[in-house]
């Protein structure tokens, strides 16, 4: 199916009736449409189109109380139960800095929004779902039994659009294929010089722009004093060791429009088929381990000493998920996390004969 063809909303709904157990995201892919197009097909039938006004949304979410925040990409799903509080908003980015829900949001990426109500047996499930211009999910908020339904309804009313059409226009994302370009030796040298002078991990993104590299290219080019490739099985080993030794971690999963962070201990690690799952009381991670093509340990200098991350990349060389030892700004890295990360099994370096 080409993108010039549009699947009729009635056909989308009929496909769901014929495949009731298939997840919406998977059904959309099977139909050759985006998830946003699938959700839009239900407008007027339990779904309301809403404006993705991030500032108003985040302010209103705090009054709803306990909810579940969900951010995902094709290979990882990150779920946190908590309250949207300590909100900081701006045109370029917004922050939620709550004890449980910790987000970095890029509002300009948010293009479509929906309030979704689904009846399953005698239960009603409500959520707010947001998508980028290509119709890919950037963030979702799911209500829980303790959520304030009145505050939710008032927020939906304030964000509801006049246009409640059952179709949305989606546009492809023009991703420049920088990854396929070879790294210039001069750029690699500049990378090392800038990397060695970092005083804050957030300076990393400015360095990538300056040397015109992707994250993966930088990690692969920087040299083994700053980054080294790990055996893929080191990912499961790290999670089990962190759980068994009560080493609190930070786990990042991002979409194009949102990065979601868990900070704290992890306890229940459950591999099921191709999935690695963390199933804790207020935090769930679902990670497709078979999508992890490379795992790297990365060391970045800061004014408080270097910090170490584990970074999982897919076949497309894009970041799937990232882990740190739990720390706050101005603190040195935890010794137990550093010991754990630096002693995970490495991929042997190839040496010339």
Protein backbone atom coordinates (compact mmCIF):
# COMPACT_ATOMS: atom_id res chain seq x y z
CA UNK A 1 0.00 0.00 0.00
CA UNK A 2 1.38 3.42 -0.91
CA UNK A 3 0.97 6.43 1.31
CA UNK A 4 -1.26 8.06 -1.33
CA UNK A 5 -3.93 5.49 -0.46
CA UNK A 6 -6.00 6.14 2.65
CA UNK A 7 -7.72 3.33 4.51
CA UNK A 8 -11.32 4.32 5.25
CA UNK A 9 -12.13 4.77 8.96
CA UNK A 10 -14.93 2.21 8.69
CA UNK A 11 -12.46 -0.33 7.27
CA UNK A 12 -10.07 0.35 10.15
CA UNK A 13 -12.82 -0.26 12.71
CA UNK A 14 -13.94 -3.39 10.85
CA UNK A 15 -10.37 -4.72 10.93
CA UNK A 16 -10.36 -4.32 14.70
CA UNK A 17 -13.63 -6.23 15.00
CA UNK A 18 -12.08 -9.03 12.96
CA UNK A 19 -8.85 -8.99 15.01
CA UNK A 20 -10.03 -8.15 18.55
CA UNK A 21 -6.93 -9.51 20.29
CA UNK A 22 -4.39 -7.71 18.08
CA UNK A 23 -2.77 -4.66 19.66
CA UNK A 24 -3.66 -1.34 18.05
CA UNK A 25 -0.06 -0.57 17.12
CA UNK A 26 0.36 -3.98 15.47
CA UNK A 27 -2.97 -3.75 13.66
CA UNK A 28 -2.08 -0.31 12.29
CA UNK A 29 1.19 -1.70 10.96
CA UNK A 30 -0.68 -4.63 9.39
CA UNK A 31 -3.04 -2.16 7.67
CA UNK A 32 -0.12 -0.05 6.43
CA UNK A 33 -1.18 3.02 8.42
CA UNK A 34 0.24 4.94 11.37
CA UNK A 35 -1.05 4.47 14.90
CA UNK A 36 -2.44 8.03 14.87
CA UNK A 37 -4.55 7.19 11.81
CA UNK A 38 -5.86 4.12 13.60
CA UNK A 39 -6.83 6.11 16.71
CA UNK A 40 -8.44 8.89 14.65
CA UNK A 41 -10.79 6.37 13.04
CA UNK A 42 -12.61 6.11 16.39
CA UNK A 43 -13.36 9.84 16.78
CA UNK A 44 -16.99 10.23 17.80
CA UNK A 45 -16.99 6.64 19.04
CA UNK A 46 -15.27 7.09 22.38
CA UNK A 47 -12.34 9.11 21.05
CA UNK A 48 -11.97 12.91 21.03
CA UNK A 49 -9.35 14.82 19.05
CA UNK A 50 -7.46 17.20 21.34
CA UNK A 51 -4.81 19.84 20.77
CA UNK A 52 -1.28 18.79 21.77
CA UNK A 53 -0.75 21.97 23.79
CA UNK A 54 1.97 20.68 26.07
CA UNK A 55 2.00 23.57 28.55
CA UNK A 56 -1.76 23.32 29.20
CA UNK A 57 -1.64 19.53 29.22
CA UNK A 58 1.11 19.24 31.83
CA UNK A 59 -0.50 21.85 34.07
CA UNK A 60 -3.84 20.03 33.90
CA UNK A 61 -2.39 16.57 34.45
CA UNK A 62 -1.21 17.37 37.97
CA UNK A 63 -4.84 17.79 39.11
CA UNK A 64 -5.70 14.31 37.81
CA UNK A 65 -3.39 12.74 40.37
CA UNK A 66 -2.07 9.21 39.97
CA UNK A 67 -1.74 8.01 36.38
CA UNK A 68 0.53 5.78 34.32
CA UNK A 69 2.96 7.54 31.94
CA UNK A 70 4.09 5.58 28.90
CA UNK A 71 6.86 6.37 26.42
CA UNK A 72 8.05 3.87 23.86
CA UNK A 73 9.98 3.26 20.68
CA UNK A 74 9.93 0.22 18.41
CA UNK A 75 12.04 -1.83 20.83
CA UNK A 76 11.31 -0.63 24.37
CA UNK A 77 8.26 0.39 26.41
CA UNK A 78 8.75 2.45 29.60
CA UNK A 79 5.84 2.71 32.06
CA UNK A 80 5.80 4.74 35.29
CA UNK A 81 3.00 5.18 37.81
CA UNK A 82 2.91 8.49 39.63
CA UNK A 83 1.83 12.13 39.48
CA UNK A 84 2.79 14.81 36.95
CA UNK A 85 4.28 17.39 39.28
CA UNK A 86 7.23 19.80 39.36
CA UNK A 87 6.43 20.87 35.79
CA UNK A 88 8.67 23.31 33.91
CA UNK A 89 7.50 24.42 30.46
CA UNK A 90 9.07 26.27 27.54
CA UNK A 91 8.78 26.55 23.77
CA UNK A 92 11.75 24.29 22.99
CA UNK A 93 11.38 21.77 25.79
CA UNK A 94 9.39 20.97 28.90
CA UNK A 95 10.26 19.03 32.01
CA UNK A 96 8.36 16.94 34.52
CA UNK A 97 10.61 16.42 37.54
CA UNK A 98 8.39 14.47 39.90
CA UNK A 99 9.58 11.79 42.25
CA UNK A 100 8.05 9.08 40.05
CA UNK A 101 7.31 10.66 36.66
CA UNK A 102 10.45 12.21 35.15
CA UNK A 103 10.19 13.45 31.55
CA UNK A 104 12.08 15.54 29.00
CA UNK A 105 9.56 16.72 26.39
CA UNK A 106 10.08 18.35 22.99
CA UNK A 107 6.74 20.10 22.30
CA UNK A 108 7.37 20.99 18.64
CA UNK A 109 7.42 17.28 17.79
CA UNK A 110 3.89 16.73 19.18
CA UNK A 111 1.49 17.02 16.22
CA UNK A 112 -1.69 15.06 17.06
CA UNK A 113 -3.57 14.33 20.28
CA UNK A 114 -6.52 12.17 21.31
CA UNK A 115 -8.51 11.40 24.44
CA UNK A 116 -9.41 7.73 24.15
CA UNK A 117 -12.15 5.90 26.03
CA UNK A 118 -12.48 2.14 25.55
CA UNK A 119 -15.06 -0.13 27.14
CA UNK A 120 -13.86 -3.65 27.88
CA UNK A 121 -16.58 -5.71 29.53
CA UNK A 122 -17.77 -3.63 32.48
CA UNK A 123 -14.57 -1.59 32.66
CA UNK A 124 -13.82 1.77 31.03
CA UNK A 125 -10.20 2.55 30.17
CA UNK A 126 -9.24 6.18 29.54
CA UNK A 127 -6.03 7.60 28.13
CA UNK A 128 -4.48 10.63 26.47
CA UNK A 129 -2.37 9.75 23.43
CA UNK A 130 0.00 11.98 21.46
CA UNK A 131 1.73 11.47 18.13
CA UNK A 132 4.31 13.15 15.87
CA UNK A 133 3.71 14.33 12.30
CA UNK A 134 4.33 10.80 10.98
CA UNK A 135 1.66 9.41 13.29
CA UNK A 136 4.17 7.67 15.59
CA UNK A 137 3.37 7.72 19.31
CA UNK A 138 5.44 10.17 21.35
CA UNK A 139 3.74 9.81 24.77
CA UNK A 140 0.63 8.38 26.43
CA UNK A 141 -1.07 8.95 29.77
CA UNK A 142 -3.31 6.18 31.13
CA UNK A 143 -5.78 6.83 33.95
CA UNK A 144 -5.83 4.54 36.98
CA UNK A 145 -8.52 3.78 39.57
CA UNK A 146 -7.21 6.57 41.83
CA UNK A 147 -7.23 9.20 39.06
CA UNK A 148 -9.51 12.24 39.42
CA UNK A 149 -12.07 11.68 36.66
CA UNK A 150 -13.58 15.17 36.98
CA UNK A 151 -10.16 16.83 36.47
CA UNK A 152 -9.56 14.56 33.48
CA UNK A 153 -12.87 15.50 31.86
CA UNK A 154 -12.21 19.22 32.40
CA UNK A 155 -8.78 18.87 30.78
CA UNK A 156 -10.21 17.04 27.77
CA UNK A 157 -12.90 19.72 27.37
CA UNK A 158 -10.29 22.47 27.41
CA UNK A 159 -8.12 20.74 24.78
CA UNK A 160 -10.91 19.38 22.52
CA UNK A 161 -10.73 20.54 18.88
CA UNK A 162 -13.64 21.65 16.73
CA UNK A 163 -12.38 19.29 14.02
CA UNK A 164 -13.38 15.78 15.03
CA UNK A 165 -12.71 14.16 11.64
CA UNK A 166 -11.97 10.44 11.64
CA UNK A 167 -8.78 10.90 9.63
CA UNK A 168 -5.49 12.74 10.14
CA UNK A 169 -2.89 13.87 7.65
CA UNK A 170 0.50 12.35 8.37
CA UNK A 171 3.82 13.38 6.89
CA UNK A 172 7.04 11.37 6.71
CA UNK A 173 9.95 12.38 8.92
CA UNK A 174 12.89 13.56 6.83
CA UNK A 175 15.76 11.89 8.68
CA UNK A 176 19.13 12.81 7.22
CA UNK A 177 21.06 9.53 6.79
CA UNK A 178 24.19 10.72 8.58
CA UNK A 179 24.86 7.23 9.91
CA UNK A 180 25.84 5.92 6.46
CA UNK A 181 28.55 8.54 6.03
CA UNK A 182 32.11 7.71 7.02
CA UNK A 183 33.57 9.65 9.95
CA UNK A 184 36.17 12.20 8.89
CA UNK A 185 39.47 11.79 10.84
CA UNK A 186 39.53 15.52 11.60
CA UNK A 187 36.01 15.29 13.03
CA UNK A 188 37.04 12.28 15.12
CA UNK A 189 39.94 14.27 16.57
CA UNK A 190 37.68 17.23 17.29
CA UNK A 191 35.26 14.84 18.98
CA UNK A 192 37.97 13.61 21.35
CA UNK A 193 39.08 17.14 22.18
CA UNK A 194 35.55 18.32 22.94
CA UNK A 195 34.60 15.10 24.76
CA UNK A 196 37.62 15.30 27.08
CA UNK A 197 36.59 18.83 28.12
CA UNK A 198 32.98 18.00 29.04
CA UNK A 199 31.92 19.24 32.46
CA UNK A 200 28.26 18.17 32.17
CA UNK A 201 26.75 15.15 30.38
CA UNK A 202 24.17 17.42 28.70
CA UNK A 203 26.99 19.07 26.70
CA UNK A 204 27.17 15.84 24.70
CA UNK A 205 24.34 16.86 22.37
CA UNK A 206 26.04 20.12 21.46
CA UNK A 207 29.22 18.19 20.71
CA UNK A 208 27.33 15.88 18.34
CA UNK A 209 25.95 18.88 16.45
CA UNK A 210 29.38 20.52 16.28
CA UNK A 211 31.12 17.46 14.81
CA UNK A 212 28.07 16.40 12.72
CA UNK A 213 27.93 12.86 14.05
CA UNK A 214 25.19 10.61 15.36
CA UNK A 215 25.34 9.31 18.90
CA UNK A 216 26.35 5.86 17.63
CA UNK A 217 29.09 7.25 15.39
CA UNK A 218 30.52 9.22 18.29
CA UNK A 219 30.50 6.25 20.66
CA UNK A 220 32.13 4.02 18.06
CA UNK A 221 34.78 6.62 17.14
CA UNK A 222 35.78 8.06 20.52
CA UNK A 223 38.24 5.35 21.59
CA UNK A 224 38.25 2.69 24.31
CA UNK A 225 39.25 5.06 27.09
CA UNK A 226 35.77 6.59 26.74
CA UNK A 227 33.61 3.83 25.19
CA UNK A 228 33.89 0.08 24.77
CA UNK A 229 31.55 -2.48 23.28
CA UNK A 230 30.02 -5.06 25.58
CA UNK A 231 28.72 -8.55 24.98
CA UNK A 232 24.96 -8.31 24.42
CA UNK A 233 24.34 -10.67 27.34
CA UNK A 234 25.92 -8.05 29.61
CA UNK A 235 22.57 -6.22 29.52
CA UNK A 236 20.73 -8.98 31.35
CA UNK A 237 23.73 -9.46 33.65
CA UNK A 238 23.64 -5.77 34.59
CA UNK A 239 19.93 -5.85 35.38
CA UNK A 240 20.21 -8.98 37.52
CA UNK A 241 23.25 -7.66 39.40
CA UNK A 242 21.57 -4.28 39.98
CA UNK A 243 18.48 -6.05 41.32
CA UNK A 244 20.35 -8.58 43.48
CA UNK A 245 22.78 -6.02 44.94
CA UNK A 246 20.15 -3.24 45.31
CA UNK A 247 22.12 -0.85 43.09
CA UNK A 248 19.70 1.98 42.17
CA UNK A 249 19.79 2.84 38.48
CA UNK A 250 18.41 5.33 35.99
CA UNK A 251 16.68 3.88 32.91
CA UNK A 252 15.95 6.10 29.90
CA UNK A 253 13.62 5.29 26.98
CA UNK A 254 12.81 7.88 24.35
CA UNK A 255 10.50 8.58 21.43
CA UNK A 256 11.08 11.48 19.03
CA UNK A 257 9.07 13.77 21.32
CA UNK A 258 9.72 12.55 24.86
CA UNK A 259 12.35 10.90 27.05
CA UNK A 260 11.06 9.06 30.11
CA UNK A 261 13.31 8.20 33.07
CA UNK A 262 13.09 5.78 35.98
CA UNK A 263 15.35 6.45 38.95
CA UNK A 264 15.66 3.98 41.78
CA UNK A 265 16.08 0.28 42.51
CA UNK A 266 14.74 -2.52 40.32
CA UNK A 267 13.59 -5.87 41.66
CA UNK A 268 11.60 -8.20 39.41
CA UNK A 269 13.42 -9.14 36.19
CA UNK A 270 11.30 -11.46 34.04
CA UNK A 271 12.50 -12.60 30.60
CA UNK A 272 9.58 -13.84 28.48
CA UNK A 273 10.31 -14.94 24.92
CA UNK A 274 12.23 -12.15 23.16
CA UNK A 275 11.30 -9.65 25.89
CA UNK A 276 13.25 -8.60 28.96
CA UNK A 277 10.73 -7.25 31.48
CA UNK A 278 11.13 -5.28 34.69
CA UNK A 279 7.84 -5.69 36.55
CA UNK A 280 7.97 -3.53 39.67
CA UNK A 281 5.23 -1.77 41.61
CA UNK A 282 5.54 1.65 39.94
CA UNK A 283 7.93 0.89 37.07
CA UNK A 284 7.69 -1.49 34.12
CA UNK A 285 10.16 -1.86 31.29
CA UNK A 286 9.49 -4.12 28.30
CA UNK A 287 12.59 -4.48 26.13
CA UNK A 288 12.91 -6.51 22.92
CA UNK A 289 16.32 -8.04 23.57
CA UNK A 290 16.39 -9.52 20.06
CA UNK A 291 16.35 -5.95 18.71
CA UNK A 292 19.57 -5.06 20.54
CA UNK A 293 22.36 -5.22 17.96
CA UNK A 294 25.10 -3.52 20.01
CA UNK A 295 25.66 -2.70 23.68
CA UNK A 296 28.23 -0.08 24.72
CA UNK A 297 29.62 1.19 27.99
CA UNK A 298 30.24 4.92 27.68
CA UNK A 299 32.27 7.18 29.98
CA UNK A 300 31.64 10.94 29.96
CA UNK A 301 33.62 13.51 31.99
CA UNK A 302 31.80 15.91 34.31
CA UNK A 303 32.93 18.46 36.87
CA UNK A 304 32.17 15.80 39.51
CA UNK A 305 34.21 13.06 37.83
CA UNK A 306 33.23 10.80 34.97
CA UNK A 307 29.88 9.02 34.75
CA UNK A 308 29.28 5.69 33.06
CA UNK A 309 26.28 4.64 30.98
CA UNK A 310 25.18 1.46 29.23
CA UNK A 311 23.65 2.15 25.82
CA UNK A 312 21.72 -0.36 23.69
CA UNK A 313 21.49 0.26 19.93
CA UNK A 314 19.35 -1.40 17.28
CA UNK A 315 20.28 -2.58 13.80
CA UNK A 316 19.48 0.95 12.58
CA UNK A 317 22.18 2.29 14.97
CA UNK A 318 19.57 4.27 16.92
CA UNK A 319 19.47 4.28 20.71
CA UNK A 320 16.91 1.91 22.21
CA UNK A 321 17.54 2.46 25.91
CA UNK A 322 20.21 3.85 28.22
CA UNK A 323 21.17 3.12 31.84
CA UNK A 324 23.15 5.06 34.47
CA UNK A 325 23.72 4.60 38.17
CA UNK A 326 21.25 6.79 40.06
CA UNK A 327 22.74 10.19 40.83
CA UNK A 328 21.74 13.83 41.16
CA UNK A 329 23.40 16.90 39.69
CA UNK A 330 26.58 17.70 41.65
CA UNK A 331 27.06 14.15 42.95
CA UNK A 332 29.88 11.79 42.05
CA UNK A 333 29.03 8.51 40.38
CA UNK A 334 28.09 5.64 42.68
CA UNK A 335 31.06 3.34 43.27
CA UNK A 336 28.88 0.20 43.15
CA UNK A 337 27.44 1.18 39.74
CA UNK A 338 30.88 2.02 38.34
CA UNK A 339 32.27 -1.29 39.55
CA UNK A 340 29.33 -3.14 38.00
CA UNK A 341 29.53 -1.36 34.64
CA UNK A 342 33.29 -1.57 34.26
CA UNK A 343 33.40 -5.33 34.92
CA UNK A 344 30.74 -6.51 32.49
CA UNK A 345 31.96 -8.82 29.69
CA UNK A 346 33.41 -6.93 26.74
CA UNK A 347 33.54 -7.73 23.05
CA UNK A 348 37.18 -8.66 22.35
CA UNK A 349 39.06 -6.13 20.25
CA UNK A 350 40.26 -7.34 16.86
CA UNK A 351 44.02 -7.00 16.58
CA UNK A 352 46.09 -7.05 13.44
CA UNK A 353 47.95 -10.29 12.78
